[in-house]
N, C-alpha and C. Protein backbone atom coordinates (compact mmCIF):
# COMPACT_ATOMS: atom_id res chain seq x y z
N MET A 1 20.56 92.02 -23.84
CA MET A 1 19.28 91.60 -24.41
C MET A 1 18.17 92.01 -23.45
N LYS A 2 17.10 92.56 -24.00
CA LYS A 2 15.99 92.98 -23.17
C LYS A 2 15.29 91.76 -22.58
N ILE A 3 14.63 92.03 -21.43
CA ILE A 3 13.92 90.96 -20.74
C ILE A 3 12.89 90.33 -21.67
N ARG A 4 12.20 91.19 -22.46
CA ARG A 4 11.17 90.67 -23.38
C ARG A 4 11.79 89.71 -24.39
N ASN A 5 12.95 90.09 -24.94
CA ASN A 5 13.60 89.23 -25.92
C ASN A 5 14.08 87.92 -25.29
N LYS A 6 14.63 88.04 -24.05
CA LYS A 6 15.07 86.85 -23.34
C LYS A 6 13.91 85.90 -23.11
N THR A 7 12.79 86.49 -22.70
CA THR A 7 11.59 85.68 -22.41
C THR A 7 11.13 84.96 -23.67
N LEU A 8 11.10 85.69 -24.79
CA LEU A 8 10.68 85.07 -26.05
C LEU A 8 11.63 83.96 -26.47
N THR A 9 12.93 84.21 -26.25
CA THR A 9 13.93 83.19 -26.62
C THR A 9 13.75 81.94 -25.78
N ILE A 10 13.58 82.15 -24.46
CA ILE A 10 13.39 81.00 -23.56
C ILE A 10 12.13 80.23 -23.92
N LEU A 11 11.05 80.99 -24.19
CA LEU A 11 9.79 80.34 -24.57
C LEU A 11 9.95 79.57 -25.88
N GLY A 12 10.69 80.15 -26.82
CA GLY A 12 10.89 79.48 -28.11
C GLY A 12 11.66 78.18 -27.96
N ILE A 13 12.75 78.26 -27.15
CA ILE A 13 13.55 77.05 -26.93
C ILE A 13 12.73 75.99 -26.21
N THR A 14 11.97 76.43 -25.19
CA THR A 14 11.13 75.50 -24.43
C THR A 14 10.10 74.84 -25.33
N PHE A 15 9.46 75.66 -26.20
CA PHE A 15 8.45 75.14 -27.12
C PHE A 15 9.07 74.11 -28.08
N PHE A 16 10.27 74.45 -28.59
CA PHE A 16 10.96 73.54 -29.51
C PHE A 16 11.28 72.21 -28.81
N CYS A 17 11.75 72.29 -27.57
CA CYS A 17 12.08 71.07 -26.82
C CYS A 17 10.84 70.23 -26.56
N LEU A 18 9.72 70.90 -26.25
CA LEU A 18 8.48 70.17 -26.01
C LEU A 18 8.00 69.46 -27.28
N VAL A 19 8.08 70.16 -28.43
CA VAL A 19 7.68 69.56 -29.70
C VAL A 19 8.56 68.36 -30.03
N LEU A 20 9.88 68.54 -29.83
CA LEU A 20 10.82 67.45 -30.09
C LEU A 20 10.53 66.26 -29.19
N LEU A 21 10.26 66.53 -27.91
CA LEU A 21 9.95 65.46 -26.96
C LEU A 21 8.68 64.73 -27.35
N LEU A 22 7.66 65.52 -27.74
CA LEU A 22 6.40 64.90 -28.15
C LEU A 22 6.60 64.04 -29.40
N PHE A 23 7.42 64.53 -30.34
CA PHE A 23 7.68 63.78 -31.57
C PHE A 23 8.37 62.45 -31.27
N VAL A 24 9.42 62.54 -30.43
CA VAL A 24 10.17 61.33 -30.07
C VAL A 24 9.28 60.35 -29.34
N THR A 25 8.48 60.86 -28.40
CA THR A 25 7.59 60.00 -27.62
C THR A 25 6.54 59.35 -28.51
N ALA A 26 5.93 60.16 -29.40
CA ALA A 26 4.91 59.63 -30.30
C ALA A 26 5.50 58.58 -31.23
N ASP A 27 6.70 58.87 -31.74
CA ASP A 27 7.35 57.91 -32.64
C ASP A 27 7.63 56.60 -31.93
N GLN A 28 8.06 56.69 -30.68
CA GLN A 28 8.35 55.49 -29.91
C GLN A 28 7.07 54.70 -29.64
N ILE A 29 5.99 55.42 -29.31
CA ILE A 29 4.71 54.76 -29.04
C ILE A 29 4.20 54.06 -30.28
N VAL A 30 4.24 54.79 -31.42
CA VAL A 30 3.78 54.20 -32.68
C VAL A 30 4.65 53.02 -33.07
N GLY A 31 5.97 53.18 -32.91
CA GLY A 31 6.88 52.08 -33.23
C GLY A 31 6.62 50.86 -32.38
N ASN A 32 6.42 51.06 -31.08
CA ASN A 32 6.12 49.94 -30.20
C ASN A 32 4.80 49.27 -30.57
N SER A 33 3.82 50.10 -30.94
CA SER A 33 2.50 49.56 -31.30
C SER A 33 2.60 48.70 -32.55
N PHE A 34 3.35 49.21 -33.57
CA PHE A 34 3.53 48.42 -34.78
C PHE A 34 4.32 47.15 -34.49
N GLY A 35 5.32 47.26 -33.62
CA GLY A 35 6.10 46.09 -33.25
C GLY A 35 5.23 45.04 -32.57
N GLU A 36 4.35 45.48 -31.68
CA GLU A 36 3.46 44.55 -31.00
C GLU A 36 2.49 43.91 -31.98
N LEU A 37 1.97 44.74 -32.93
CA LEU A 37 1.04 44.20 -33.93
C LEU A 37 1.73 43.17 -34.81
N GLU A 38 2.98 43.48 -35.22
CA GLU A 38 3.73 42.54 -36.04
C GLU A 38 3.97 41.24 -35.29
N GLN A 39 4.32 41.34 -34.00
CA GLN A 39 4.57 40.15 -33.20
C GLN A 39 3.30 39.32 -33.06
N GLU A 40 2.17 40.01 -32.84
CA GLU A 40 0.90 39.30 -32.74
C GLU A 40 0.56 38.59 -34.04
N GLU A 41 0.83 39.26 -35.17
CA GLU A 41 0.53 38.66 -36.47
C GLU A 41 1.40 37.44 -36.71
N VAL A 42 2.69 37.54 -36.36
CA VAL A 42 3.60 36.41 -36.52
C VAL A 42 3.13 35.24 -35.66
N THR A 43 2.73 35.53 -34.42
CA THR A 43 2.26 34.49 -33.51
C THR A 43 1.03 33.80 -34.07
N LYS A 44 0.08 34.60 -34.61
CA LYS A 44 -1.13 34.03 -35.21
C LYS A 44 -0.80 33.15 -36.40
N ASN A 45 0.12 33.64 -37.25
CA ASN A 45 0.48 32.87 -38.45
C ASN A 45 1.16 31.55 -38.09
N VAL A 46 2.03 31.60 -37.09
CA VAL A 46 2.70 30.37 -36.64
C VAL A 46 1.66 29.39 -36.10
N ALA A 47 0.69 29.90 -35.34
CA ALA A 47 -0.36 29.04 -34.79
C ALA A 47 -1.19 28.42 -35.91
N ARG A 48 -1.51 29.21 -36.94
CA ARG A 48 -2.30 28.70 -38.07
C ARG A 48 -1.54 27.62 -38.83
N ALA A 49 -0.26 27.89 -39.08
CA ALA A 49 0.56 26.90 -39.81
C ALA A 49 0.71 25.62 -38.99
N THR A 50 0.92 25.77 -37.67
CA THR A 50 1.05 24.61 -36.80
C THR A 50 -0.23 23.79 -36.80
N ALA A 51 -1.37 24.47 -36.74
CA ALA A 51 -2.66 23.78 -36.75
C ALA A 51 -2.86 23.01 -38.05
N ALA A 52 -2.46 23.62 -39.18
CA ALA A 52 -2.60 22.96 -40.48
C ALA A 52 -1.72 21.71 -40.56
N ILE A 53 -0.49 21.82 -40.06
CA ILE A 53 0.42 20.67 -40.05
C ILE A 53 -0.12 19.59 -39.13
N ASN A 54 -0.67 19.98 -37.98
CA ASN A 54 -1.26 19.00 -37.06
C ASN A 54 -2.44 18.28 -37.70
N THR A 55 -3.21 18.99 -38.51
CA THR A 55 -4.34 18.37 -39.21
C THR A 55 -3.83 17.31 -40.18
N GLN A 56 -2.78 17.65 -40.93
CA GLN A 56 -2.19 16.68 -41.85
C GLN A 56 -1.65 15.47 -41.08
N SER A 57 -1.03 15.74 -39.95
CA SER A 57 -0.48 14.66 -39.12
C SER A 57 -1.59 13.76 -38.59
N LYS A 58 -2.72 14.35 -38.19
CA LYS A 58 -3.85 13.55 -37.70
C LYS A 58 -4.44 12.70 -38.82
N ASN A 59 -4.44 13.23 -40.04
CA ASN A 59 -4.92 12.45 -41.18
C ASN A 59 -4.08 11.19 -41.36
N LEU A 60 -2.75 11.33 -41.21
CA LEU A 60 -1.88 10.16 -41.30
C LEU A 60 -2.17 9.19 -40.17
N ALA A 61 -2.43 9.73 -38.98
CA ALA A 61 -2.72 8.86 -37.84
C ALA A 61 -3.99 8.05 -38.07
N ILE A 62 -4.97 8.66 -38.72
CA ILE A 62 -6.21 7.96 -39.04
C ILE A 62 -5.94 6.81 -40.02
N ILE A 63 -5.10 7.09 -41.03
CA ILE A 63 -4.74 6.04 -42.00
C ILE A 63 -4.04 4.90 -41.29
N ALA A 64 -3.07 5.22 -40.45
CA ALA A 64 -2.33 4.19 -39.72
C ALA A 64 -3.25 3.38 -38.81
N SER A 65 -4.20 4.05 -38.19
CA SER A 65 -5.15 3.36 -37.31
C SER A 65 -6.07 2.44 -38.10
N ASP A 66 -6.60 2.95 -39.22
CA ASP A 66 -7.51 2.14 -40.04
C ASP A 66 -6.84 0.86 -40.53
N TRP A 67 -5.59 1.00 -40.98
CA TRP A 67 -4.89 -0.17 -41.51
C TRP A 67 -4.31 -1.04 -40.41
N GLY A 68 -3.93 -0.42 -39.31
CA GLY A 68 -3.30 -1.19 -38.23
C GLY A 68 -4.29 -2.01 -37.43
N GLN A 69 -5.46 -1.46 -37.17
CA GLN A 69 -6.47 -2.17 -36.40
C GLN A 69 -7.44 -2.88 -37.35
N TRP A 70 -6.89 -3.79 -38.11
CA TRP A 70 -7.65 -4.49 -39.14
C TRP A 70 -7.20 -5.94 -39.15
N ASP A 71 -8.14 -6.85 -39.06
CA ASP A 71 -7.80 -8.27 -38.97
C ASP A 71 -6.93 -8.73 -40.13
N ASP A 72 -7.22 -8.24 -41.35
CA ASP A 72 -6.44 -8.68 -42.51
C ASP A 72 -4.97 -8.31 -42.37
N THR A 73 -4.71 -7.10 -41.87
CA THR A 73 -3.32 -6.68 -41.66
C THR A 73 -2.67 -7.53 -40.57
N TYR A 74 -3.42 -7.79 -39.51
CA TYR A 74 -2.91 -8.61 -38.40
C TYR A 74 -2.47 -9.98 -38.90
N TYR A 75 -3.32 -10.65 -39.67
CA TYR A 75 -2.99 -11.98 -40.15
C TYR A 75 -1.92 -11.94 -41.24
N PHE A 76 -1.82 -10.82 -41.95
CA PHE A 76 -0.73 -10.64 -42.91
C PHE A 76 0.61 -10.69 -42.20
N LEU A 77 0.71 -10.01 -41.08
CA LEU A 77 1.97 -10.00 -40.32
C LEU A 77 2.28 -11.37 -39.73
N LEU A 78 1.26 -12.18 -39.54
CA LEU A 78 1.48 -13.53 -39.04
C LEU A 78 1.72 -14.53 -40.17
N GLY A 79 1.73 -14.04 -41.42
CA GLY A 79 1.97 -14.91 -42.57
C GLY A 79 0.78 -15.75 -42.95
N GLU A 80 -0.42 -15.33 -42.53
CA GLU A 80 -1.61 -16.13 -42.77
C GLU A 80 -2.58 -15.48 -43.76
N SER A 81 -2.15 -14.42 -44.44
CA SER A 81 -3.03 -13.75 -45.40
C SER A 81 -2.31 -13.71 -46.75
N GLU A 82 -2.51 -14.76 -47.53
CA GLU A 82 -1.74 -14.98 -48.75
C GLU A 82 -1.95 -13.88 -49.79
N TYR A 83 -3.16 -13.34 -49.87
CA TYR A 83 -3.48 -12.40 -50.94
C TYR A 83 -3.57 -10.95 -50.45
N TYR A 84 -3.05 -10.68 -49.28
CA TYR A 84 -3.14 -9.34 -48.71
C TYR A 84 -2.49 -8.29 -49.61
N VAL A 85 -1.28 -8.57 -50.06
CA VAL A 85 -0.54 -7.61 -50.89
C VAL A 85 -1.28 -7.38 -52.20
N THR A 86 -1.70 -8.47 -52.85
CA THR A 86 -2.38 -8.35 -54.14
C THR A 86 -3.70 -7.60 -54.01
N ASN A 87 -4.43 -7.89 -52.95
CA ASN A 87 -5.77 -7.32 -52.80
C ASN A 87 -5.78 -5.91 -52.23
N ASN A 88 -4.74 -5.53 -51.49
CA ASN A 88 -4.81 -4.27 -50.75
C ASN A 88 -3.68 -3.28 -51.02
N LEU A 89 -2.52 -3.77 -51.45
CA LEU A 89 -1.35 -2.89 -51.53
C LEU A 89 -0.95 -2.55 -52.97
N ASP A 90 -1.93 -2.47 -53.86
CA ASP A 90 -1.59 -2.04 -55.22
C ASP A 90 -1.28 -0.54 -55.19
N ILE A 91 -0.52 -0.08 -56.15
CA ILE A 91 0.01 1.28 -56.14
C ILE A 91 -1.10 2.32 -56.14
N ASP A 92 -2.15 2.10 -56.94
CA ASP A 92 -3.24 3.07 -57.01
C ASP A 92 -3.89 3.27 -55.64
N ALA A 93 -4.12 2.18 -54.93
CA ALA A 93 -4.77 2.27 -53.62
C ALA A 93 -3.93 3.06 -52.63
N ILE A 94 -2.62 2.83 -52.64
CA ILE A 94 -1.74 3.54 -51.71
C ILE A 94 -1.58 5.00 -52.13
N ALA A 95 -1.46 5.25 -53.43
CA ALA A 95 -1.31 6.63 -53.92
C ALA A 95 -2.55 7.46 -53.59
N ASN A 96 -3.71 6.83 -53.62
CA ASN A 96 -4.95 7.55 -53.29
C ASN A 96 -4.97 8.05 -51.85
N LEU A 97 -4.15 7.45 -51.02
CA LEU A 97 -4.08 7.88 -49.62
C LEU A 97 -3.22 9.14 -49.46
N GLN A 98 -2.57 9.57 -50.55
CA GLN A 98 -1.70 10.75 -50.52
C GLN A 98 -0.56 10.59 -49.52
N ILE A 99 0.07 9.41 -49.55
CA ILE A 99 1.24 9.16 -48.72
C ILE A 99 2.39 8.72 -49.61
N ASP A 100 3.60 8.75 -49.06
CA ASP A 100 4.78 8.37 -49.83
C ASP A 100 5.26 6.96 -49.51
N ALA A 101 4.91 6.47 -48.34
CA ALA A 101 5.37 5.13 -47.98
C ALA A 101 4.47 4.53 -46.90
N MET A 102 4.31 3.20 -46.99
CA MET A 102 3.63 2.45 -45.94
C MET A 102 4.55 1.29 -45.58
N LEU A 103 4.88 1.19 -44.29
CA LEU A 103 5.85 0.20 -43.84
C LEU A 103 5.22 -0.69 -42.77
N PHE A 104 5.49 -1.99 -42.86
CA PHE A 104 4.99 -2.96 -41.90
C PHE A 104 6.18 -3.58 -41.17
N TYR A 105 6.14 -3.54 -39.86
CA TYR A 105 7.20 -4.12 -39.03
C TYR A 105 6.61 -5.23 -38.17
N ASP A 106 7.39 -6.29 -37.96
CA ASP A 106 6.90 -7.39 -37.13
C ASP A 106 7.06 -7.04 -35.65
N ILE A 107 6.71 -7.96 -34.81
CA ILE A 107 6.69 -7.71 -33.37
C ILE A 107 8.09 -7.42 -32.82
N ASN A 108 9.12 -7.84 -33.55
CA ASN A 108 10.51 -7.60 -33.14
C ASN A 108 11.08 -6.32 -33.72
N GLY A 109 10.25 -5.54 -34.42
CA GLY A 109 10.71 -4.29 -35.01
C GLY A 109 11.48 -4.49 -36.29
N GLN A 110 11.36 -5.68 -36.90
CA GLN A 110 12.04 -5.96 -38.17
C GLN A 110 11.10 -5.63 -39.33
N LEU A 111 11.64 -5.01 -40.37
CA LEU A 111 10.83 -4.64 -41.52
C LEU A 111 10.29 -5.90 -42.20
N TYR A 112 8.97 -5.95 -42.34
CA TYR A 112 8.30 -7.13 -42.91
C TYR A 112 7.87 -6.88 -44.35
N HIS A 113 7.36 -5.68 -44.62
CA HIS A 113 6.94 -5.34 -45.98
C HIS A 113 6.93 -3.82 -46.11
N ILE A 114 7.17 -3.36 -47.34
CA ILE A 114 7.24 -1.92 -47.55
C ILE A 114 6.67 -1.57 -48.93
N VAL A 115 5.97 -0.45 -48.99
CA VAL A 115 5.44 0.07 -50.25
C VAL A 115 5.81 1.54 -50.35
N GLY A 116 6.47 1.92 -51.44
CA GLY A 116 6.77 3.32 -51.70
C GLY A 116 6.09 3.76 -52.98
N VAL A 117 5.48 4.93 -52.96
CA VAL A 117 4.74 5.41 -54.12
C VAL A 117 5.02 6.89 -54.37
N ASN A 118 4.80 7.29 -55.61
CA ASN A 118 4.72 8.70 -55.96
C ASN A 118 3.24 8.99 -56.16
N HIS A 119 2.62 9.68 -55.18
CA HIS A 119 1.17 9.84 -55.24
C HIS A 119 0.74 10.88 -56.27
N ASP A 120 1.71 11.53 -56.92
CA ASP A 120 1.37 12.45 -58.01
C ASP A 120 1.30 11.72 -59.35
N THR A 121 2.22 10.78 -59.55
CA THR A 121 2.29 10.06 -60.83
C THR A 121 1.72 8.65 -60.74
N TYR A 122 1.37 8.23 -59.51
CA TYR A 122 0.84 6.87 -59.30
C TYR A 122 1.84 5.82 -59.79
N GLU A 123 3.09 6.02 -59.41
CA GLU A 123 4.14 5.07 -59.76
C GLU A 123 4.81 4.55 -58.49
N LYS A 124 5.26 3.33 -58.57
CA LYS A 124 5.98 2.74 -57.45
C LYS A 124 7.37 3.36 -57.35
N THR A 125 7.81 3.63 -56.15
CA THR A 125 9.15 4.21 -55.95
C THR A 125 9.87 3.43 -54.86
N ASP A 126 11.17 3.59 -54.84
CA ASP A 126 11.98 2.98 -53.78
C ASP A 126 11.94 3.87 -52.54
N VAL A 127 11.95 3.24 -51.40
CA VAL A 127 12.04 3.98 -50.13
C VAL A 127 13.51 4.06 -49.76
N SER A 128 13.96 5.25 -49.45
CA SER A 128 15.40 5.46 -49.25
C SER A 128 15.92 4.76 -48.00
N ILE A 129 17.18 4.38 -48.06
CA ILE A 129 17.85 3.80 -46.90
C ILE A 129 17.86 4.81 -45.75
N GLY A 130 18.01 6.10 -46.11
CA GLY A 130 18.04 7.13 -45.07
C GLY A 130 16.76 7.17 -44.27
N LEU A 131 15.61 7.07 -44.95
CA LEU A 131 14.33 7.06 -44.24
C LEU A 131 14.22 5.83 -43.34
N LEU A 132 14.61 4.67 -43.86
CA LEU A 132 14.55 3.44 -43.07
C LEU A 132 15.43 3.55 -41.83
N GLN A 133 16.61 4.13 -41.99
CA GLN A 133 17.51 4.29 -40.84
C GLN A 133 16.94 5.26 -39.82
N THR A 134 16.30 6.33 -40.33
CA THR A 134 15.68 7.30 -39.42
C THR A 134 14.58 6.65 -38.61
N ILE A 135 13.75 5.85 -39.26
CA ILE A 135 12.67 5.16 -38.55
C ILE A 135 13.24 4.15 -37.56
N ASP A 136 14.23 3.37 -38.00
CA ASP A 136 14.82 2.36 -37.12
C ASP A 136 15.41 2.97 -35.86
N SER A 137 15.90 4.21 -35.98
CA SER A 137 16.54 4.85 -34.83
C SER A 137 15.52 5.41 -33.83
N ASN A 138 14.24 5.46 -34.24
CA ASN A 138 13.20 5.96 -33.33
C ASN A 138 12.43 4.77 -32.77
N LYS A 139 12.98 4.14 -31.75
CA LYS A 139 12.41 2.91 -31.21
C LYS A 139 11.03 3.12 -30.59
N LYS A 140 10.72 4.37 -30.22
CA LYS A 140 9.41 4.64 -29.61
C LYS A 140 8.27 4.44 -30.60
N LEU A 141 8.58 4.36 -31.88
CA LEU A 141 7.54 4.16 -32.89
C LEU A 141 6.98 2.75 -32.85
N PHE A 142 7.77 1.80 -32.36
CA PHE A 142 7.42 0.39 -32.49
C PHE A 142 6.64 -0.12 -31.27
N SER A 143 5.58 -0.86 -31.56
CA SER A 143 4.73 -1.40 -30.50
C SER A 143 5.21 -2.79 -30.07
N LYS A 144 5.04 -3.03 -28.78
CA LYS A 144 5.31 -4.33 -28.18
C LYS A 144 4.08 -4.74 -27.38
N PRO A 145 3.92 -5.99 -27.06
CA PRO A 145 2.83 -6.37 -26.15
C PRO A 145 2.94 -5.59 -24.85
N LEU A 146 1.83 -5.07 -24.40
CA LEU A 146 1.73 -4.26 -23.18
C LEU A 146 2.46 -2.91 -23.30
N ASN A 147 2.93 -2.59 -24.48
CA ASN A 147 3.60 -1.30 -24.69
C ASN A 147 3.27 -0.81 -26.10
N LEU A 148 2.02 -0.39 -26.27
CA LEU A 148 1.54 0.02 -27.59
C LEU A 148 1.96 1.46 -27.89
N SER A 149 2.27 1.71 -29.16
CA SER A 149 2.74 3.04 -29.56
C SER A 149 1.79 3.63 -30.60
N TYR A 150 1.14 4.73 -30.21
CA TYR A 150 0.30 5.48 -31.13
C TYR A 150 0.95 6.86 -31.27
N MET A 151 1.70 7.06 -32.34
CA MET A 151 2.48 8.29 -32.46
C MET A 151 2.27 8.92 -33.83
N SER A 152 2.29 10.24 -33.86
CA SER A 152 2.26 10.97 -35.12
C SER A 152 2.95 12.31 -34.92
N GLY A 153 3.53 12.82 -35.99
CA GLY A 153 4.23 14.10 -35.89
C GLY A 153 5.20 14.26 -37.05
N MET A 154 6.21 15.08 -36.82
CA MET A 154 7.19 15.39 -37.87
C MET A 154 8.56 14.88 -37.47
N ILE A 155 9.27 14.33 -38.45
CA ILE A 155 10.64 13.88 -38.23
C ILE A 155 11.53 14.46 -39.32
N ASN A 156 12.81 14.52 -39.04
CA ASN A 156 13.79 14.94 -40.03
C ASN A 156 14.39 13.71 -40.69
N THR A 157 14.43 13.71 -42.02
CA THR A 157 15.03 12.61 -42.77
C THR A 157 16.09 13.19 -43.69
N PRO A 158 16.94 12.35 -44.25
CA PRO A 158 17.93 12.87 -45.21
C PRO A 158 17.30 13.57 -46.40
N GLU A 159 16.03 13.22 -46.72
CA GLU A 159 15.33 13.86 -47.83
C GLU A 159 14.62 15.14 -47.42
N GLY A 160 14.62 15.43 -46.13
CA GLY A 160 13.93 16.60 -45.62
C GLY A 160 12.87 16.23 -44.60
N PRO A 161 12.16 17.22 -44.07
CA PRO A 161 11.12 16.94 -43.07
C PRO A 161 10.03 16.05 -43.64
N ALA A 162 9.47 15.21 -42.78
CA ALA A 162 8.38 14.32 -43.20
C ALA A 162 7.40 14.18 -42.05
N LEU A 163 6.13 14.01 -42.40
CA LEU A 163 5.11 13.67 -41.42
C LEU A 163 5.04 12.16 -41.32
N ILE A 164 4.82 11.66 -40.11
CA ILE A 164 4.85 10.22 -39.89
C ILE A 164 3.81 9.84 -38.85
N ALA A 165 3.25 8.65 -39.00
CA ALA A 165 2.31 8.14 -38.00
C ALA A 165 2.56 6.65 -37.82
N ALA A 166 2.53 6.21 -36.58
CA ALA A 166 2.75 4.79 -36.25
C ALA A 166 1.57 4.28 -35.44
N ASN A 167 1.19 3.03 -35.70
CA ASN A 167 0.06 2.42 -35.00
C ASN A 167 0.34 0.93 -34.83
N PRO A 168 0.00 0.35 -33.69
CA PRO A 168 0.18 -1.09 -33.54
C PRO A 168 -0.71 -1.86 -34.50
N ILE A 169 -0.25 -2.99 -34.95
CA ILE A 169 -1.05 -3.87 -35.79
C ILE A 169 -1.73 -4.89 -34.88
N THR A 170 -3.04 -4.81 -34.81
CA THR A 170 -3.82 -5.66 -33.91
C THR A 170 -5.08 -6.16 -34.62
N LYS A 171 -5.78 -7.04 -33.96
CA LYS A 171 -7.12 -7.40 -34.42
C LYS A 171 -8.04 -6.20 -34.19
N SER A 172 -9.08 -6.11 -34.99
CA SER A 172 -9.97 -4.96 -34.88
C SER A 172 -10.68 -4.90 -33.54
N LEU A 173 -10.97 -6.05 -32.94
CA LEU A 173 -11.71 -6.08 -31.67
C LEU A 173 -10.85 -6.57 -30.51
N ASP A 174 -9.55 -6.65 -30.74
CA ASP A 174 -8.65 -7.12 -29.68
C ASP A 174 -7.31 -6.41 -29.82
N VAL A 175 -7.25 -5.21 -29.26
CA VAL A 175 -6.05 -4.39 -29.43
C VAL A 175 -4.87 -4.89 -28.60
N ASP A 176 -5.10 -5.90 -27.76
CA ASP A 176 -4.00 -6.45 -26.97
C ASP A 176 -3.21 -7.50 -27.73
N SER A 177 -3.76 -7.98 -28.84
CA SER A 177 -3.08 -9.01 -29.63
C SER A 177 -2.21 -8.33 -30.69
N VAL A 178 -1.00 -7.98 -30.32
CA VAL A 178 -0.12 -7.18 -31.19
C VAL A 178 0.71 -8.08 -32.10
N ALA A 179 0.66 -7.77 -33.42
CA ALA A 179 1.47 -8.53 -34.37
C ALA A 179 2.64 -7.71 -34.90
N GLY A 180 2.63 -6.40 -34.65
CA GLY A 180 3.69 -5.55 -35.16
C GLY A 180 3.29 -4.10 -35.19
N THR A 181 3.87 -3.34 -36.10
CA THR A 181 3.64 -1.90 -36.19
C THR A 181 3.51 -1.50 -37.65
N ILE A 182 2.55 -0.62 -37.93
CA ILE A 182 2.44 -0.03 -39.26
C ILE A 182 2.84 1.44 -39.17
N ILE A 183 3.61 1.89 -40.15
CA ILE A 183 4.07 3.27 -40.19
C ILE A 183 3.77 3.85 -41.57
N VAL A 184 3.16 5.02 -41.59
CA VAL A 184 2.89 5.71 -42.86
C VAL A 184 3.65 7.03 -42.86
N VAL A 185 4.12 7.42 -44.04
CA VAL A 185 5.01 8.58 -44.16
C VAL A 185 4.56 9.45 -45.32
N ARG A 186 4.61 10.76 -45.09
CA ARG A 186 4.43 11.71 -46.19
C ARG A 186 5.46 12.82 -46.03
N TYR A 187 6.24 13.03 -47.08
CA TYR A 187 7.25 14.08 -47.05
C TYR A 187 6.60 15.46 -47.13
N MET A 188 7.27 16.42 -46.52
CA MET A 188 6.84 17.82 -46.63
C MET A 188 7.32 18.36 -47.96
N ASP A 189 6.72 17.84 -49.04
CA ASP A 189 7.13 18.22 -50.38
C ASP A 189 6.37 19.48 -50.83
N PRO A 190 6.71 20.03 -52.02
CA PRO A 190 6.04 21.26 -52.47
C PRO A 190 4.52 21.15 -52.53
N ASN A 191 4.00 19.98 -52.90
CA ASN A 191 2.55 19.82 -52.96
C ASN A 191 1.90 19.95 -51.59
N LEU A 192 2.54 19.34 -50.59
CA LEU A 192 1.99 19.45 -49.23
C LEU A 192 2.11 20.88 -48.72
N ILE A 193 3.22 21.53 -49.04
CA ILE A 193 3.40 22.93 -48.64
C ILE A 193 2.29 23.78 -49.25
N ARG A 194 1.97 23.53 -50.54
CA ARG A 194 0.91 24.30 -51.20
C ARG A 194 -0.45 24.03 -50.53
N GLU A 195 -0.68 22.79 -50.12
CA GLU A 195 -1.93 22.47 -49.42
C GLU A 195 -2.03 23.27 -48.12
N ILE A 196 -0.93 23.33 -47.39
CA ILE A 196 -0.92 24.07 -46.13
C ILE A 196 -1.11 25.56 -46.39
N GLU A 197 -0.44 26.07 -47.44
CA GLU A 197 -0.61 27.49 -47.79
C GLU A 197 -2.06 27.79 -48.13
N TRP A 198 -2.69 26.88 -48.87
CA TRP A 198 -4.09 27.07 -49.25
C TRP A 198 -5.00 27.07 -48.02
N ASP A 199 -4.74 26.12 -47.12
CA ASP A 199 -5.58 26.00 -45.92
C ASP A 199 -5.45 27.21 -45.01
N THR A 200 -4.24 27.76 -44.94
CA THR A 200 -3.99 28.85 -43.99
C THR A 200 -3.96 30.22 -44.64
N GLN A 201 -3.95 30.25 -45.98
CA GLN A 201 -3.80 31.50 -46.72
C GLN A 201 -2.48 32.19 -46.37
N LEU A 202 -1.48 31.37 -46.06
CA LEU A 202 -0.13 31.88 -45.82
C LEU A 202 0.75 31.46 -46.98
N THR A 203 1.85 32.19 -47.16
CA THR A 203 2.78 31.88 -48.24
C THR A 203 4.15 31.63 -47.65
N ALA A 204 4.73 30.47 -47.98
CA ALA A 204 6.07 30.15 -47.51
C ALA A 204 7.08 31.04 -48.21
N LEU A 205 8.06 31.52 -47.46
CA LEU A 205 9.11 32.36 -48.04
C LEU A 205 10.18 31.52 -48.70
């Protein structure tokens, strides 16, 4: 083979290798860039969904606080508010709060009163034994004198995930006078999922 032909062959092979190398390198760079963008998007979406759930959880905490730090509730737990249930715990009033259950526990952590509702149909419902057992097993939810519990978040129940908030039952102007604990619950049902999807513009898979 003539030197000229050899030179052209070598140049051709070298050029081909350079093009192949550039293609592989570019593909890897683009792939990494898309991977990083996808990871960033996933991280943002998780943060948005978490923020939306935290907002719902804070709403429950506000409900628990409003009802827990109320003289009428305090005296109800002491057996001194005869018309508390009639005046305050009717199904419509509880359903309007968009919760599934409101539970009152005495100072010893014993269930004192319970209301279960379907906030879509405004009907009274039974609260499952599984939910009661789940709550009973979480002793940190219950307030004691000198050991008040203000908690909100998500728990797993036999019916599925639920948002929950606990607040000590006290006088409105004397938070040291503890009569028990109020707990409010809302299941992560399809309606709540749709609310979160609407707030975040995300769609559950």
